[in-house]
Amino acid sequence: QVQLVESGGGLVQAGGGLQLSCVASGRTFSDYTMGWFRQAPGKEREFVAAISWSPGATYYADSVKSRFTISRDNAKNTVYLQMNSLKPEDTAVYYCAADRDGSRWPRLVFLVEYEYWGQGTQVTVSS
């Protein structure tokens, strides 16, 4: 079992940045592919970014490519999402997720590939 706890959300003006963190506990963090998803009010949860367990290949949704950066620190059991140049449409609850089965791109965009989820952290971007 893996427990995931997100932090770092908040209110920011358009054009600003935030860094989200997700701390994992319970199993060998470095074995898991990690993903970030988001869900805006009235919309389905959607893929944002993912980072493989090794050697740390990264993948992004087109909507965030070049603005967001996903990274991981296996020594700290933590995955990060650095978000820059934020837009009002980035407003959502952001969720961290862990995949234990070594799913490959492009299947990493699908929610069902992830076995563990955090509770989410709210990001609000004002215009």
Foldseek 3Di string as FASTA:
>chain_A
DKAKAKDWADEEAAQAKIKMKIAIDDDQLLLKKKFKWWDDPPGDIWGAKIFHSPPTDIDGDPVQPPFWDWDDDSVRRMIMIIGGRDDQVVWTWMKMFIANPRDDPPVVGDPVRTDDIYPTDTHGYHD
